[in-house]
Amino acid sequence: QVQLVESGGGLVQAGDSLRLSCAASGRTFTNLAMGWFRQAPAKEREFVAAIRSSGRITYYAESVKGRFTISRDNAKNMVFLQMNSLKPEDTAVYYCAATSPSYSGTYYYRSGTYDSWGRGTQVTVSS
């Protein structure tokens, strides 16, 4: 497994922006697809975005498409989630996740695809 640590969450108003960061350990990072998920209280964990190991192909939930951007810097072992035009319904704990090094599929929207998870960072959007 890869150790993941999220940061960058906070309390913002609707329409504001936040940039989440995920720091990953291990030299296998460049071979892993990465994802962001979120979970609100009493809600199921929800897919937000994913990025393939090359950083060239990304995937987004319909609810965030056009507002959020996932990116990665493989030289720094980091993944980012730029969140613009935030809405109150974006309020959740956001988790960074990494796939297994052997994963070669494209089911990035499924939580079972990921082997490693960070502890999460809280994002709260007020109205």
N, C-alpha and C. Protein backbone atom coordinates (compact mmCIF):
# COMPACT_ATOMS: atom_id res chain seq x y z
N GLN A 1 0.81 -1.19 0.00
CA GLN A 1 0.00 0.00 0.00
C GLN A 1 0.86 1.26 0.00
N VAL A 2 0.23 2.33 -0.44
CA VAL A 2 0.86 3.64 -0.46
C VAL A 2 0.25 4.48 0.66
N GLN A 3 1.09 5.19 1.39
CA GLN A 3 0.59 6.08 2.42
C GLN A 3 0.19 7.41 1.79
N LEU A 4 -1.01 7.88 2.12
CA LEU A 4 -1.56 9.09 1.53
C LEU A 4 -1.98 10.05 2.63
N VAL A 5 -1.68 11.32 2.45
CA VAL A 5 -2.05 12.35 3.41
C VAL A 5 -2.66 13.53 2.66
N GLU A 6 -3.92 13.83 2.98
CA GLU A 6 -4.62 14.94 2.35
C GLU A 6 -4.44 16.22 3.16
N SER A 7 -4.55 17.34 2.48
CA SER A 7 -4.53 18.64 3.13
C SER A 7 -5.24 19.65 2.24
N GLY A 8 -5.54 20.81 2.81
CA GLY A 8 -6.11 21.89 2.03
C GLY A 8 -7.58 22.15 2.27
N GLY A 9 -8.25 21.33 3.06
CA GLY A 9 -9.65 21.55 3.34
C GLY A 9 -9.86 22.76 4.22
N GLY A 10 -11.12 23.17 4.34
CA GLY A 10 -11.43 24.33 5.16
C GLY A 10 -12.88 24.73 5.03
N LEU A 11 -13.20 25.86 5.62
CA LEU A 11 -14.54 26.43 5.60
C LEU A 11 -14.57 27.59 4.62
N VAL A 12 -15.44 27.51 3.63
CA VAL A 12 -15.56 28.55 2.62
C VAL A 12 -17.03 28.83 2.35
N GLN A 13 -17.27 29.91 1.64
CA GLN A 13 -18.62 30.26 1.23
C GLN A 13 -18.92 29.73 -0.16
N ALA A 14 -20.20 29.57 -0.45
CA ALA A 14 -20.60 29.13 -1.77
C ALA A 14 -20.02 30.06 -2.83
N GLY A 15 -19.50 29.45 -3.89
CA GLY A 15 -18.86 30.19 -4.95
C GLY A 15 -17.36 30.32 -4.81
N ASP A 16 -16.84 30.01 -3.63
CA ASP A 16 -15.40 30.10 -3.40
C ASP A 16 -14.68 28.89 -3.98
N SER A 17 -13.36 28.92 -3.86
CA SER A 17 -12.51 27.86 -4.38
C SER A 17 -11.61 27.31 -3.29
N LEU A 18 -11.24 26.05 -3.42
CA LEU A 18 -10.26 25.40 -2.58
C LEU A 18 -9.40 24.49 -3.44
N ARG A 19 -8.18 24.29 -3.00
CA ARG A 19 -7.28 23.36 -3.66
C ARG A 19 -6.83 22.32 -2.65
N LEU A 20 -7.22 21.08 -2.86
CA LEU A 20 -6.82 19.99 -2.01
C LEU A 20 -5.54 19.36 -2.54
N SER A 21 -4.71 18.91 -1.62
CA SER A 21 -3.47 18.24 -1.98
C SER A 21 -3.42 16.87 -1.34
N CYS A 22 -2.76 15.95 -2.00
CA CYS A 22 -2.56 14.60 -1.49
C CYS A 22 -1.11 14.24 -1.70
N ALA A 23 -0.41 14.02 -0.61
CA ALA A 23 0.99 13.62 -0.66
C ALA A 23 1.08 12.11 -0.52
N ALA A 24 1.79 11.47 -1.44
CA ALA A 24 1.90 10.02 -1.46
C ALA A 24 3.33 9.59 -1.21
N SER A 25 3.46 8.50 -0.49
CA SER A 25 4.77 7.91 -0.26
C SER A 25 5.01 6.77 -1.23
N GLY A 26 6.25 6.38 -1.37
CA GLY A 26 6.57 5.23 -2.19
C GLY A 26 7.02 5.59 -3.59
N ARG A 27 7.89 4.78 -4.12
CA ARG A 27 8.42 5.02 -5.46
C ARG A 27 7.51 4.48 -6.55
N THR A 28 6.45 3.77 -6.19
CA THR A 28 5.52 3.24 -7.17
C THR A 28 4.42 4.23 -7.55
N PHE A 29 4.44 5.42 -6.98
CA PHE A 29 3.39 6.40 -7.20
C PHE A 29 3.13 6.65 -8.67
N THR A 30 4.17 6.76 -9.45
CA THR A 30 4.01 7.11 -10.86
C THR A 30 3.29 6.04 -11.65
N ASN A 31 3.15 4.84 -11.11
CA ASN A 31 2.46 3.76 -11.79
C ASN A 31 1.00 3.61 -11.35
N LEU A 32 0.54 4.46 -10.44
CA LEU A 32 -0.77 4.32 -9.84
C LEU A 32 -1.75 5.35 -10.37
N ALA A 33 -2.94 4.89 -10.71
CA ALA A 33 -4.04 5.82 -10.90
C ALA A 33 -4.50 6.32 -9.53
N MET A 34 -4.93 7.56 -9.48
CA MET A 34 -5.32 8.17 -8.22
C MET A 34 -6.74 8.71 -8.31
N GLY A 35 -7.42 8.72 -7.18
CA GLY A 35 -8.78 9.21 -7.17
C GLY A 35 -9.06 10.07 -5.95
N TRP A 36 -10.10 10.87 -6.08
CA TRP A 36 -10.67 11.62 -4.97
C TRP A 36 -12.10 11.15 -4.76
N PHE A 37 -12.43 10.86 -3.51
CA PHE A 37 -13.77 10.53 -3.10
C PHE A 37 -14.19 11.47 -1.99
N ARG A 38 -15.48 11.52 -1.72
CA ARG A 38 -15.96 12.34 -0.62
C ARG A 38 -17.09 11.63 0.09
N GLN A 39 -17.26 11.99 1.35
CA GLN A 39 -18.31 11.38 2.15
C GLN A 39 -18.87 12.40 3.12
N ALA A 40 -20.16 12.66 2.99
CA ALA A 40 -20.87 13.52 3.92
C ALA A 40 -21.42 12.68 5.07
N PRO A 41 -21.72 13.29 6.22
CA PRO A 41 -22.27 12.53 7.34
C PRO A 41 -23.52 11.76 6.93
N ALA A 42 -23.56 10.50 7.32
CA ALA A 42 -24.69 9.61 7.05
C ALA A 42 -24.90 9.35 5.57
N LYS A 43 -23.88 9.62 4.75
CA LYS A 43 -23.97 9.37 3.32
C LYS A 43 -22.93 8.34 2.90
N GLU A 44 -23.18 7.74 1.76
CA GLU A 44 -22.22 6.80 1.20
C GLU A 44 -21.03 7.54 0.61
N ARG A 45 -19.90 6.88 0.58
CA ARG A 45 -18.74 7.46 -0.05
C ARG A 45 -19.00 7.62 -1.55
N GLU A 46 -18.64 8.78 -2.09
CA GLU A 46 -19.00 9.15 -3.44
C GLU A 46 -17.76 9.47 -4.26
N PHE A 47 -17.71 8.95 -5.46
CA PHE A 47 -16.63 9.25 -6.38
C PHE A 47 -16.67 10.71 -6.80
N VAL A 48 -15.51 11.34 -6.86
CA VAL A 48 -15.40 12.73 -7.27
C VAL A 48 -14.62 12.86 -8.57
N ALA A 49 -13.39 12.33 -8.57
CA ALA A 49 -12.52 12.47 -9.74
C ALA A 49 -11.43 11.43 -9.68
N ALA A 50 -10.85 11.13 -10.83
CA ALA A 50 -9.73 10.20 -10.90
C ALA A 50 -8.79 10.63 -12.01
N ILE A 51 -7.55 10.21 -11.89
CA ILE A 51 -6.55 10.53 -12.90
C ILE A 51 -5.66 9.32 -13.10
N ARG A 52 -5.39 9.00 -14.35
CA ARG A 52 -4.54 7.88 -14.65
C ARG A 52 -3.08 8.21 -14.36
N SER A 53 -2.24 7.18 -14.35
CA SER A 53 -0.87 7.35 -13.89
C SER A 53 -0.09 8.39 -14.69
N SER A 54 -0.39 8.48 -15.97
CA SER A 54 0.31 9.44 -16.82
C SER A 54 -0.13 10.87 -16.58
N GLY A 55 -1.31 11.05 -15.99
CA GLY A 55 -1.87 12.37 -15.81
C GLY A 55 -2.58 12.90 -17.04
N ARG A 56 -2.61 12.14 -18.10
CA ARG A 56 -3.18 12.62 -19.36
C ARG A 56 -4.69 12.41 -19.47
N ILE A 57 -5.22 11.46 -18.71
CA ILE A 57 -6.64 11.14 -18.80
C ILE A 57 -7.27 11.28 -17.42
N THR A 58 -8.39 11.98 -17.37
CA THR A 58 -9.08 12.21 -16.11
C THR A 58 -10.54 11.82 -16.22
N TYR A 59 -11.17 11.62 -15.06
CA TYR A 59 -12.56 11.25 -14.97
C TYR A 59 -13.21 12.06 -13.86
N TYR A 60 -14.48 12.42 -14.06
CA TYR A 60 -15.17 13.24 -13.09
C TYR A 60 -16.60 12.76 -12.88
N ALA A 61 -17.07 12.90 -11.66
CA ALA A 61 -18.49 12.73 -11.41
C ALA A 61 -19.25 13.86 -12.09
N GLU A 62 -20.46 13.56 -12.54
CA GLU A 62 -21.26 14.58 -13.22
C GLU A 62 -21.52 15.78 -12.32
N SER A 63 -21.61 15.56 -11.03
CA SER A 63 -21.93 16.63 -10.11
C SER A 63 -20.81 17.67 -9.98
N VAL A 64 -19.59 17.31 -10.37
CA VAL A 64 -18.47 18.23 -10.23
C VAL A 64 -17.84 18.59 -11.57
N LYS A 65 -18.27 17.97 -12.63
CA LYS A 65 -17.68 18.21 -13.94
C LYS A 65 -17.83 19.68 -14.32
N GLY A 66 -16.73 20.26 -14.76
CA GLY A 66 -16.72 21.67 -15.12
C GLY A 66 -16.36 22.59 -13.98
N ARG A 67 -16.39 22.08 -12.74
CA ARG A 67 -16.05 22.87 -11.57
C ARG A 67 -14.75 22.41 -10.90
N PHE A 68 -14.51 21.10 -10.90
CA PHE A 68 -13.34 20.53 -10.25
C PHE A 68 -12.34 20.07 -11.30
N THR A 69 -11.06 20.14 -10.94
CA THR A 69 -10.00 19.66 -11.82
C THR A 69 -9.01 18.85 -11.00
N ILE A 70 -8.78 17.61 -11.42
CA ILE A 70 -7.78 16.77 -10.77
C ILE A 70 -6.49 16.84 -11.58
N SER A 71 -5.37 16.87 -10.89
CA SER A 71 -4.08 16.91 -11.54
C SER A 71 -3.06 16.18 -10.67
N ARG A 72 -1.89 15.94 -11.21
CA ARG A 72 -0.85 15.28 -10.43
C ARG A 72 0.51 15.77 -10.85
N ASP A 73 1.44 15.68 -9.93
CA ASP A 73 2.83 16.00 -10.17
C ASP A 73 3.63 14.78 -9.75
N ASN A 74 3.96 13.94 -10.71
CA ASN A 74 4.61 12.68 -10.39
C ASN A 74 6.01 12.88 -9.83
N ALA A 75 6.67 13.95 -10.21
CA ALA A 75 7.99 14.22 -9.68
C ALA A 75 7.95 14.51 -8.19
N LYS A 76 6.82 15.02 -7.70
CA LYS A 76 6.67 15.36 -6.29
C LYS A 76 5.79 14.37 -5.53
N ASN A 77 5.32 13.34 -6.20
CA ASN A 77 4.43 12.35 -5.58
C ASN A 77 3.19 13.01 -4.98
N MET A 78 2.56 13.87 -5.76
CA MET A 78 1.39 14.59 -5.26
C MET A 78 0.25 14.59 -6.27
N VAL A 79 -0.96 14.61 -5.73
CA VAL A 79 -2.18 14.73 -6.50
C VAL A 79 -2.96 15.91 -5.95
N PHE A 80 -3.65 16.62 -6.82
CA PHE A 80 -4.38 17.81 -6.42
C PHE A 80 -5.82 17.75 -6.90
N LEU A 81 -6.66 18.46 -6.19
CA LEU A 81 -8.04 18.65 -6.62
C LEU A 81 -8.38 20.12 -6.48
N GLN A 82 -8.44 20.80 -7.60
CA GLN A 82 -8.85 22.20 -7.62
C GLN A 82 -10.36 22.26 -7.68
N MET A 83 -10.97 22.88 -6.70
CA MET A 83 -12.42 22.95 -6.59
C MET A 83 -12.86 24.40 -6.71
N ASN A 84 -13.59 24.69 -7.77
CA ASN A 84 -14.10 26.03 -8.01
C ASN A 84 -15.62 26.03 -7.93
N SER A 85 -16.19 27.21 -7.77
CA SER A 85 -17.64 27.37 -7.71
C SER A 85 -18.27 26.39 -6.72
N LEU A 86 -17.71 26.34 -5.54
CA LEU A 86 -18.17 25.37 -4.55
C LEU A 86 -19.60 25.64 -4.13
N LYS A 87 -20.30 24.55 -3.87
CA LYS A 87 -21.69 24.58 -3.45
C LYS A 87 -21.84 23.94 -2.08
N PRO A 88 -22.88 24.28 -1.34
CA PRO A 88 -23.09 23.64 -0.04
C PRO A 88 -23.13 22.11 -0.12
N GLU A 89 -23.64 21.57 -1.21
CA GLU A 89 -23.70 20.13 -1.36
C GLU A 89 -22.34 19.48 -1.59
N ASP A 90 -21.31 20.29 -1.77
CA ASP A 90 -19.95 19.77 -1.84
C ASP A 90 -19.36 19.51 -0.46
N THR A 91 -20.05 19.91 0.58
CA THR A 91 -19.57 19.72 1.95
C THR A 91 -19.41 18.23 2.24
N ALA A 92 -18.21 17.84 2.65
CA ALA A 92 -17.91 16.44 2.92
C ALA A 92 -16.47 16.32 3.37
N VAL A 93 -16.13 15.13 3.84
CA VAL A 93 -14.73 14.78 4.02
C VAL A 93 -14.22 14.24 2.69
N TYR A 94 -13.13 14.78 2.22
CA TYR A 94 -12.57 14.39 0.95
C TYR A 94 -11.37 13.47 1.16
N TYR A 95 -11.38 12.34 0.47
CA TYR A 95 -10.36 11.32 0.62
C TYR A 95 -9.58 11.14 -0.67
N CYS A 96 -8.30 11.03 -0.53
CA CYS A 96 -7.42 10.67 -1.63
C CYS A 96 -7.25 9.15 -1.62
N ALA A 97 -7.18 8.54 -2.79
CA ALA A 97 -7.07 7.09 -2.89
C ALA A 97 -6.15 6.71 -4.04
N ALA A 98 -5.51 5.56 -3.88
CA ALA A 98 -4.59 5.04 -4.88
C ALA A 98 -4.97 3.62 -5.27
N THR A 99 -4.83 3.30 -6.54
CA THR A 99 -5.10 1.95 -7.01
C THR A 99 -3.94 1.02 -6.70
N SER A 100 -4.18 -0.26 -6.88
CA SER A 100 -3.10 -1.23 -6.81
C SER A 100 -2.16 -1.03 -7.99
N PRO A 101 -0.86 -1.29 -7.80
CA PRO A 101 0.06 -1.18 -8.94
C PRO A 101 -0.30 -2.08 -10.10
N SER A 102 -1.01 -3.16 -9.83
CA SER A 102 -1.36 -4.12 -10.87
C SER A 102 -2.68 -3.80 -11.57
N TYR A 103 -3.40 -2.79 -11.12
CA TYR A 103 -4.70 -2.49 -11.71
C TYR A 103 -4.52 -1.93 -13.11
N SER A 104 -5.29 -2.48 -14.03
CA SER A 104 -5.21 -2.04 -15.43
C SER A 104 -6.56 -1.72 -16.03
N GLY A 105 -7.60 -1.67 -15.22
CA GLY A 105 -8.93 -1.37 -15.70
C GLY A 105 -9.22 0.11 -15.70
N THR A 106 -10.50 0.44 -15.86
CA THR A 106 -10.93 1.84 -15.91
C THR A 106 -12.11 2.12 -15.01
N TYR A 107 -12.35 1.27 -14.01
CA TYR A 107 -13.47 1.47 -13.09
C TYR A 107 -13.08 2.39 -11.94
N TYR A 108 -12.66 3.57 -12.30
CA TYR A 108 -12.15 4.50 -11.31
C TYR A 108 -13.23 5.11 -10.43
N TYR A 109 -14.48 4.99 -10.83
CA TYR A 109 -15.59 5.51 -10.07
C TYR A 109 -16.01 4.58 -8.94
N ARG A 110 -15.42 3.40 -8.86
CA ARG A 110 -15.75 2.42 -7.83
C ARG A 110 -14.70 2.45 -6.72
N SER A 111 -15.16 2.55 -5.49
CA SER A 111 -14.23 2.62 -4.37
C SER A 111 -13.40 1.35 -4.24
N GLY A 112 -13.96 0.21 -4.66
CA GLY A 112 -13.24 -1.05 -4.58
C GLY A 112 -12.03 -1.12 -5.50
N THR A 113 -11.90 -0.20 -6.40
CA THR A 113 -10.75 -0.15 -7.29
C THR A 113 -9.49 0.25 -6.54
N TYR A 114 -9.63 0.93 -5.43
CA TYR A 114 -8.51 1.55 -4.73
C TYR A 114 -8.08 0.74 -3.51
N ASP A 115 -6.78 0.60 -3.35
CA ASP A 115 -6.21 -0.17 -2.25
C ASP A 115 -5.77 0.69 -1.07
N SER A 116 -5.41 1.93 -1.33
CA SER A 116 -4.87 2.81 -0.31
C SER A 116 -5.72 4.06 -0.18
N TRP A 117 -5.91 4.50 1.06
CA TRP A 117 -6.75 5.66 1.34
C TRP A 117 -6.11 6.56 2.37
N GLY A 118 -6.26 7.86 2.18
CA GLY A 118 -5.86 8.80 3.20
C GLY A 118 -6.91 8.92 4.27
N ARG A 119 -6.61 9.70 5.30
CA ARG A 119 -7.55 9.88 6.41
C ARG A 119 -8.61 10.91 6.12
N GLY A 120 -8.44 11.72 5.11
CA GLY A 120 -9.44 12.68 4.70
C GLY A 120 -9.17 14.09 5.18
N THR A 121 -9.76 15.06 4.49
CA THR A 121 -9.70 16.46 4.87
C THR A 121 -11.09 17.06 4.72
N GLN A 122 -11.52 17.82 5.71
CA GLN A 122 -12.88 18.34 5.75
C GLN A 122 -13.01 19.56 4.85
N VAL A 123 -14.05 19.55 4.03
CA VAL A 123 -14.44 20.71 3.23
C VAL A 123 -15.85 21.08 3.62
N THR A 124 -16.04 22.31 4.06
CA THR A 124 -17.35 22.80 4.45
C THR A 124 -17.67 24.05 3.65
N VAL A 125 -18.80 24.04 2.97
CA VAL A 125 -19.22 25.15 2.13
C VAL A 125 -20.51 25.71 2.69
N SER A 126 -20.48 26.94 3.12
CA SER A 126 -21.66 27.58 3.68
C SER A 126 -22.43 28.31 2.59
N SER A 127 -23.72 28.50 2.82
CA SER A 127 -24.57 29.19 1.86
C SER A 127 -24.79 30.64 2.23
